[in-house]
Amino acid sequence: MGEQPARGTVRDPGLQQERTALAWRRTGLALVVGSLTVGRLTMTTLGPTVLVPAFIAAALAAWVVSVTLRSGRYSWTHPEDPRFDRILGDGKVPAVVTVVTASLALGELVSATVQLLG
């Protein structure tokens, strides 16, 4: 069960938005590292042609990080500010994360298939 706030404490409504933005930022950073790692590891089986998709995936993941950085601390502490809604409201960030994750999984699947057949 979650902890209840102590009596007399005021709950800051901006903390939820801050945690959400930080979580998306960590996800973007993990995808940048994952994209470059997958590109490096699959280069031995698929050759240098894998570098272009790996760098595109890393660039898209870096875009996710930049979007969460541009939201700014003010929008975290003022949830009524429409700038926070732009991070997730249009669905671009989750869609990009989904595309990057799926492309990395597909790249690894192709690499594993080539290794098994070759």
N, C-alpha and C. Protein backbone atom coordinates (compact mmCIF):
# COMPACT_ATOMS: atom_id res chain seq x y z
N MET A 1 0.84 -1.18 0.00
CA MET A 1 0.00 0.00 0.00
C MET A 1 0.88 1.24 0.00
N GLY A 2 0.38 2.30 -0.62
CA GLY A 2 1.13 3.54 -0.68
C GLY A 2 1.10 4.26 0.65
N GLU A 3 2.11 5.07 0.86
CA GLU A 3 2.18 5.82 2.11
C GLU A 3 1.23 7.01 2.04
N GLN A 4 0.57 7.26 3.14
CA GLN A 4 -0.31 8.41 3.25
C GLN A 4 0.50 9.61 3.72
N PRO A 5 0.20 10.79 3.18
CA PRO A 5 0.93 11.97 3.66
C PRO A 5 0.60 12.25 5.12
N ALA A 6 1.59 12.74 5.84
CA ALA A 6 1.40 13.06 7.25
C ALA A 6 0.40 14.20 7.38
N ARG A 7 -0.27 14.20 8.52
CA ARG A 7 -1.23 15.28 8.76
C ARG A 7 -0.52 16.61 8.79
N GLY A 8 -1.17 17.58 8.20
CA GLY A 8 -0.61 18.92 8.21
C GLY A 8 0.32 19.19 7.03
N THR A 9 0.64 18.18 6.23
CA THR A 9 1.50 18.41 5.08
C THR A 9 0.65 18.76 3.87
N VAL A 10 1.18 19.60 3.04
CA VAL A 10 0.49 20.00 1.82
C VAL A 10 1.07 19.20 0.66
N ARG A 11 0.20 18.56 -0.10
CA ARG A 11 0.62 17.76 -1.24
C ARG A 11 0.90 18.67 -2.42
N ASP A 12 2.05 18.52 -3.02
CA ASP A 12 2.43 19.33 -4.18
C ASP A 12 1.91 18.66 -5.44
N PRO A 13 0.95 19.25 -6.14
CA PRO A 13 0.39 18.60 -7.33
C PRO A 13 1.37 18.54 -8.49
N GLY A 14 2.46 19.29 -8.44
CA GLY A 14 3.42 19.28 -9.53
C GLY A 14 4.37 18.10 -9.51
N LEU A 15 4.44 17.39 -8.37
CA LEU A 15 5.39 16.29 -8.27
C LEU A 15 5.04 15.13 -9.20
N GLN A 16 3.78 14.88 -9.41
CA GLN A 16 3.40 13.79 -10.32
C GLN A 16 3.87 14.09 -11.73
N GLN A 17 3.70 15.32 -12.17
CA GLN A 17 4.15 15.70 -13.50
C GLN A 17 5.67 15.63 -13.60
N GLU A 18 6.35 16.01 -12.53
CA GLU A 18 7.81 15.96 -12.54
C GLU A 18 8.29 14.52 -12.65
N ARG A 19 7.68 13.63 -11.89
CA ARG A 19 8.07 12.21 -11.96
C ARG A 19 7.78 11.62 -13.33
N THR A 20 6.66 12.01 -13.92
CA THR A 20 6.32 11.51 -15.26
C THR A 20 7.33 11.99 -16.29
N ALA A 21 7.67 13.27 -16.25
CA ALA A 21 8.63 13.81 -17.21
C ALA A 21 10.01 13.18 -17.00
N LEU A 22 10.40 12.98 -15.75
CA LEU A 22 11.69 12.34 -15.49
C LEU A 22 11.70 10.89 -15.96
N ALA A 23 10.59 10.19 -15.82
CA ALA A 23 10.51 8.80 -16.30
C ALA A 23 10.63 8.74 -17.82
N TRP A 24 9.98 9.66 -18.53
CA TRP A 24 10.12 9.69 -19.98
C TRP A 24 11.53 10.05 -20.39
N ARG A 25 12.16 10.93 -19.63
CA ARG A 25 13.55 11.31 -19.93
C ARG A 25 14.48 10.10 -19.75
N ARG A 26 14.31 9.35 -18.66
CA ARG A 26 15.12 8.14 -18.45
C ARG A 26 14.87 7.11 -19.55
N THR A 27 13.62 6.98 -19.96
CA THR A 27 13.29 6.05 -21.04
C THR A 27 14.00 6.46 -22.32
N GLY A 28 13.99 7.74 -22.64
CA GLY A 28 14.68 8.22 -23.83
C GLY A 28 16.17 7.99 -23.77
N LEU A 29 16.77 8.25 -22.62
CA LEU A 29 18.21 8.01 -22.47
C LEU A 29 18.55 6.53 -22.60
N ALA A 30 17.71 5.68 -22.03
CA ALA A 30 17.94 4.23 -22.14
C ALA A 30 17.82 3.79 -23.60
N LEU A 31 16.90 4.37 -24.34
CA LEU A 31 16.76 4.01 -25.75
C LEU A 31 17.92 4.51 -26.59
N VAL A 32 18.48 5.66 -26.25
CA VAL A 32 19.67 6.14 -26.97
C VAL A 32 20.80 5.14 -26.79
N VAL A 33 21.05 4.77 -25.55
CA VAL A 33 22.13 3.81 -25.26
C VAL A 33 21.82 2.45 -25.89
N GLY A 34 20.56 2.01 -25.79
CA GLY A 34 20.17 0.74 -26.37
C GLY A 34 20.32 0.73 -27.89
N SER A 35 19.96 1.81 -28.54
CA SER A 35 20.09 1.89 -29.99
C SER A 35 21.54 1.77 -30.43
N LEU A 36 22.40 2.49 -29.76
CA LEU A 36 23.81 2.44 -30.13
C LEU A 36 24.42 1.08 -29.79
N THR A 37 23.99 0.48 -28.69
CA THR A 37 24.50 -0.84 -28.32
C THR A 37 24.04 -1.91 -29.31
N VAL A 38 22.77 -1.88 -29.66
CA VAL A 38 22.25 -2.86 -30.62
C VAL A 38 22.95 -2.67 -31.97
N GLY A 39 23.15 -1.44 -32.37
CA GLY A 39 23.88 -1.18 -33.62
C GLY A 39 25.28 -1.75 -33.59
N ARG A 40 25.94 -1.58 -32.48
CA ARG A 40 27.32 -2.10 -32.34
C ARG A 40 27.35 -3.63 -32.33
N LEU A 41 26.42 -4.25 -31.62
CA LEU A 41 26.41 -5.70 -31.50
C LEU A 41 25.94 -6.41 -32.77
N THR A 42 25.01 -5.81 -33.49
CA THR A 42 24.52 -6.46 -34.70
C THR A 42 25.39 -6.16 -35.91
N MET A 43 26.33 -5.29 -35.78
CA MET A 43 27.21 -4.98 -36.91
C MET A 43 28.04 -6.19 -37.32
N THR A 44 28.34 -7.08 -36.38
CA THR A 44 29.14 -8.26 -36.72
C THR A 44 28.36 -9.24 -37.59
N THR A 45 27.03 -9.29 -37.42
CA THR A 45 26.25 -10.24 -38.23
C THR A 45 25.61 -9.60 -39.45
N LEU A 46 25.19 -8.35 -39.34
CA LEU A 46 24.48 -7.71 -40.45
C LEU A 46 25.35 -6.75 -41.24
N GLY A 47 26.53 -6.45 -40.75
CA GLY A 47 27.42 -5.55 -41.46
C GLY A 47 27.14 -4.08 -41.16
N PRO A 48 27.86 -3.20 -41.83
CA PRO A 48 27.75 -1.77 -41.54
C PRO A 48 26.41 -1.15 -41.96
N THR A 49 25.58 -1.88 -42.70
CA THR A 49 24.28 -1.32 -43.08
C THR A 49 23.38 -1.10 -41.88
N VAL A 50 23.68 -1.74 -40.77
CA VAL A 50 22.85 -1.59 -39.57
C VAL A 50 23.12 -0.24 -38.88
N LEU A 51 24.19 0.43 -39.24
CA LEU A 51 24.51 1.69 -38.58
C LEU A 51 23.48 2.78 -38.87
N VAL A 52 22.97 2.84 -40.08
CA VAL A 52 21.99 3.88 -40.41
C VAL A 52 20.72 3.73 -39.57
N PRO A 53 20.09 2.55 -39.53
CA PRO A 53 18.91 2.43 -38.66
C PRO A 53 19.22 2.66 -37.18
N ALA A 54 20.41 2.25 -36.75
CA ALA A 54 20.77 2.44 -35.34
C ALA A 54 20.89 3.92 -35.01
N PHE A 55 21.50 4.69 -35.91
CA PHE A 55 21.62 6.12 -35.66
C PHE A 55 20.28 6.83 -35.78
N ILE A 56 19.40 6.36 -36.66
CA ILE A 56 18.06 6.95 -36.73
C ILE A 56 17.30 6.67 -35.44
N ALA A 57 17.39 5.45 -34.94
CA ALA A 57 16.73 5.11 -33.67
C ALA A 57 17.31 5.94 -32.52
N ALA A 58 18.63 6.12 -32.51
CA ALA A 58 19.25 6.94 -31.45
C ALA A 58 18.81 8.39 -31.56
N ALA A 59 18.68 8.90 -32.78
CA ALA A 59 18.22 10.29 -32.96
C ALA A 59 16.78 10.46 -32.50
N LEU A 60 15.93 9.49 -32.80
CA LEU A 60 14.55 9.56 -32.34
C LEU A 60 14.48 9.49 -30.81
N ALA A 61 15.30 8.65 -30.22
CA ALA A 61 15.33 8.55 -28.76
C ALA A 61 15.86 9.85 -28.15
N ALA A 62 16.83 10.47 -28.80
CA ALA A 62 17.34 11.76 -28.31
C ALA A 62 16.26 12.83 -28.42
N TRP A 63 15.40 12.72 -29.43
CA TRP A 63 14.29 13.66 -29.56
C TRP A 63 13.35 13.53 -28.35
N VAL A 64 13.11 12.30 -27.91
CA VAL A 64 12.26 12.08 -26.73
C VAL A 64 12.86 12.80 -25.52
N VAL A 65 14.18 12.68 -25.36
CA VAL A 65 14.85 13.35 -24.24
C VAL A 65 14.71 14.86 -24.38
N SER A 66 14.90 15.39 -25.59
CA SER A 66 14.83 16.84 -25.77
C SER A 66 13.43 17.39 -25.52
N VAL A 67 12.41 16.63 -25.89
CA VAL A 67 11.04 17.08 -25.65
C VAL A 67 10.77 17.18 -24.16
N THR A 68 11.24 16.21 -23.40
CA THR A 68 11.01 16.26 -21.95
C THR A 68 11.86 17.33 -21.29
N LEU A 69 13.00 17.65 -21.87
CA LEU A 69 13.82 18.73 -21.31
C LEU A 69 13.18 20.09 -21.58
N ARG A 70 12.55 20.23 -22.73
CA ARG A 70 11.94 21.52 -23.08
C ARG A 70 10.68 21.81 -22.30
N SER A 71 10.12 20.81 -21.64
CA SER A 71 8.89 21.05 -20.89
C SER A 71 9.13 22.05 -19.76
N GLY A 72 10.31 22.02 -19.19
CA GLY A 72 10.68 23.01 -18.17
C GLY A 72 10.13 22.71 -16.79
N ARG A 73 10.86 23.13 -15.78
CA ARG A 73 10.46 22.90 -14.39
C ARG A 73 9.18 23.65 -14.06
N TYR A 74 8.97 24.81 -14.67
CA TYR A 74 7.77 25.59 -14.35
C TYR A 74 6.50 24.79 -14.64
N SER A 75 6.48 24.08 -15.75
CA SER A 75 5.28 23.32 -16.09
C SER A 75 5.09 22.13 -15.15
N TRP A 76 6.18 21.66 -14.53
CA TRP A 76 6.04 20.57 -13.56
C TRP A 76 5.35 21.07 -12.29
N THR A 77 5.72 22.26 -11.87
CA THR A 77 5.17 22.79 -10.62
C THR A 77 3.85 23.50 -10.83
N HIS A 78 3.47 23.74 -12.07
CA HIS A 78 2.19 24.37 -12.38
C HIS A 78 1.45 23.50 -13.39
N PRO A 79 0.78 22.45 -12.90
CA PRO A 79 0.16 21.47 -13.81
C PRO A 79 -0.93 22.06 -14.69
N GLU A 80 -1.45 23.23 -14.33
CA GLU A 80 -2.48 23.83 -15.18
C GLU A 80 -1.87 24.50 -16.42
N ASP A 81 -0.55 24.62 -16.43
CA ASP A 81 0.14 25.21 -17.58
C ASP A 81 0.03 24.25 -18.77
N PRO A 82 -0.41 24.73 -19.93
CA PRO A 82 -0.60 23.84 -21.08
C PRO A 82 0.69 23.25 -21.66
N ARG A 83 1.85 23.75 -21.26
CA ARG A 83 3.10 23.20 -21.80
C ARG A 83 3.29 21.75 -21.39
N PHE A 84 2.83 21.38 -20.20
CA PHE A 84 3.00 19.99 -19.77
C PHE A 84 2.14 19.06 -20.61
N ASP A 85 0.96 19.48 -20.95
CA ASP A 85 0.06 18.64 -21.74
C ASP A 85 0.64 18.34 -23.12
N ARG A 86 1.50 19.18 -23.62
CA ARG A 86 2.08 18.95 -24.95
C ARG A 86 3.05 17.77 -24.96
N ILE A 87 3.58 17.40 -23.81
CA ILE A 87 4.53 16.29 -23.78
C ILE A 87 3.83 15.00 -24.17
N LEU A 88 2.72 14.71 -23.55
CA LEU A 88 2.03 13.44 -23.78
C LEU A 88 0.68 13.61 -24.46
N GLY A 89 0.16 14.81 -24.49
CA GLY A 89 -1.19 15.03 -25.00
C GLY A 89 -1.39 14.63 -26.44
N ASP A 90 -0.40 14.87 -27.29
CA ASP A 90 -0.57 14.56 -28.71
C ASP A 90 -0.16 13.13 -29.05
N GLY A 91 0.47 12.42 -28.12
CA GLY A 91 0.82 11.02 -28.33
C GLY A 91 2.09 10.79 -29.12
N LYS A 92 2.82 11.84 -29.46
CA LYS A 92 4.04 11.67 -30.26
C LYS A 92 5.14 10.95 -29.49
N VAL A 93 5.34 11.33 -28.24
CA VAL A 93 6.42 10.72 -27.45
C VAL A 93 6.18 9.22 -27.25
N PRO A 94 5.00 8.78 -26.81
CA PRO A 94 4.79 7.33 -26.70
C PRO A 94 4.89 6.61 -28.04
N ALA A 95 4.46 7.25 -29.12
CA ALA A 95 4.55 6.62 -30.44
C ALA A 95 6.00 6.44 -30.87
N VAL A 96 6.82 7.46 -30.64
CA VAL A 96 8.24 7.36 -31.00
C VAL A 96 8.93 6.29 -30.17
N VAL A 97 8.63 6.25 -28.88
CA VAL A 97 9.22 5.22 -28.01
C VAL A 97 8.82 3.83 -28.49
N THR A 98 7.57 3.67 -28.88
CA THR A 98 7.09 2.38 -29.39
C THR A 98 7.80 1.99 -30.68
N VAL A 99 7.94 2.93 -31.60
CA VAL A 99 8.60 2.65 -32.88
C VAL A 99 10.06 2.29 -32.67
N VAL A 100 10.75 3.04 -31.82
CA VAL A 100 12.17 2.76 -31.57
C VAL A 100 12.33 1.38 -30.91
N THR A 101 11.51 1.09 -29.92
CA THR A 101 11.60 -0.20 -29.24
C THR A 101 11.30 -1.36 -30.20
N ALA A 102 10.27 -1.20 -31.00
CA ALA A 102 9.92 -2.26 -31.96
C ALA A 102 11.01 -2.44 -33.01
N SER A 103 11.61 -1.35 -33.47
CA SER A 103 12.66 -1.48 -34.48
C SER A 103 13.91 -2.13 -33.89
N LEU A 104 14.22 -1.83 -32.65
CA LEU A 104 15.36 -2.49 -32.01
C LEU A 104 15.10 -3.98 -31.83
N ALA A 105 13.89 -4.33 -31.44
CA ALA A 105 13.55 -5.75 -31.30
C ALA A 105 13.60 -6.46 -32.65
N LEU A 106 13.11 -5.82 -33.69
CA LEU A 106 13.14 -6.41 -35.02
C LEU A 106 14.58 -6.58 -35.50
N GLY A 107 15.42 -5.58 -35.24
CA GLY A 107 16.83 -5.70 -35.62
C GLY A 107 17.52 -6.85 -34.92
N GLU A 108 17.24 -7.03 -33.65
CA GLU A 108 17.83 -8.14 -32.92
C GLU A 108 17.29 -9.48 -33.40
N LEU A 109 16.03 -9.53 -33.75
CA LEU A 109 15.42 -10.75 -34.27
C LEU A 109 16.06 -11.14 -35.61
N VAL A 110 16.26 -10.17 -36.48
CA VAL A 110 16.92 -10.42 -37.76
C VAL A 110 18.35 -10.90 -37.53
N SER A 111 19.05 -10.25 -36.63
CA SER A 111 20.43 -10.64 -36.33
C SER A 111 20.51 -12.06 -35.79
N ALA A 112 19.60 -12.41 -34.89
CA ALA A 112 19.60 -13.77 -34.33
C ALA A 112 19.26 -14.80 -35.39
N THR A 113 18.35 -14.45 -36.29
CA THR A 113 18.00 -15.37 -37.39
C THR A 113 19.17 -15.60 -38.31
N VAL A 114 19.89 -14.53 -38.64
CA VAL A 114 21.08 -14.65 -39.50
C VAL A 114 22.13 -15.52 -38.83
N GLN A 115 22.32 -15.36 -37.53
CA GLN A 115 23.30 -16.17 -36.83
C GLN A 115 22.88 -17.64 -36.79
N LEU A 116 21.61 -17.91 -36.61
CA LEU A 116 21.16 -19.31 -36.57
C LEU A 116 21.23 -19.98 -37.94
N LEU A 117 20.90 -19.26 -38.98
CA LEU A 117 20.91 -19.82 -40.33
C LEU A 117 22.31 -19.84 -40.95
N GLY A 118 23.14 -18.94 -40.50
CA GLY A 118 24.46 -18.81 -41.11
C GLY A 118 25.46 -19.57 -40.39
